[in-house]
């Protein structure tokens, strides 16, 4: 039986979540509710919940502020938020679970299924640390792999390659990390951070592009020597990006 604490400043939101939780799960018991950051911190220390459904925006701070105040994070977290692009990006970068308001019962059921899995708090804390470290701007990325969570610096990613439903990360130190998520997901996350989807199968960090070879369809030469194919559709746009950015050598 999982002990659940709900932290949300809206009473209607807490009631709606309680109702759906009680409907979809018989192995969850709601041990308490809190309506703000200070109340949530007090309830965590008093009730020792195993799971916290945590609102992002509250009158006296955010759910992120609450997590920073907790000395021992030995609980699972599912964030609950109204649509907030910055918050959603933060969850995606940290590979942590979240629900959008109004809560979709199907998505909540999926979250409950995840909560039934064995929890490694060391892995969970890695994810939470990424969220807290990325508060100002995204600098780190949590990658879920078969060996556990890998936390990497975004600036150390040279390129990413799509392999079916997997994405392979090629790092600055020549290491490679295979993740069971699609390149599309990472492309959407990284597109505003100087990454470019130059091909259906390739996402590159423009900081590591050394040359563009404008022959045989066109390809990039990366700083580590890798050659990355450029799609015909992306070729013209990429050339314009090079002109605007400067510093890229083009070879014919």
Foldseek 3Di string as FASTA:
>chain_A
DFEEEEEAQDPVQVVLVVVLCVVQDPPYDYPYYHNALVRVLVCCVVPVGQEYAAEADHDVHGPLVSVVPDPDPNHAYEYEYADDPVVVLLCQQLVHHYAHPVGDSVSVSVVVVVVPDDDDVVLRVSSSVQSNVCVPHRQWGWAQDPVGTDIDGPVQFFKWFFDPQWIWTQGNVRDIDIGRHGPVSVCVSCVVVQWDDQDNTMIGRVVFWAEWEPPPQIWTQGVVRDIGHGHNVCVVVVVVVCVVVDNYYYHD
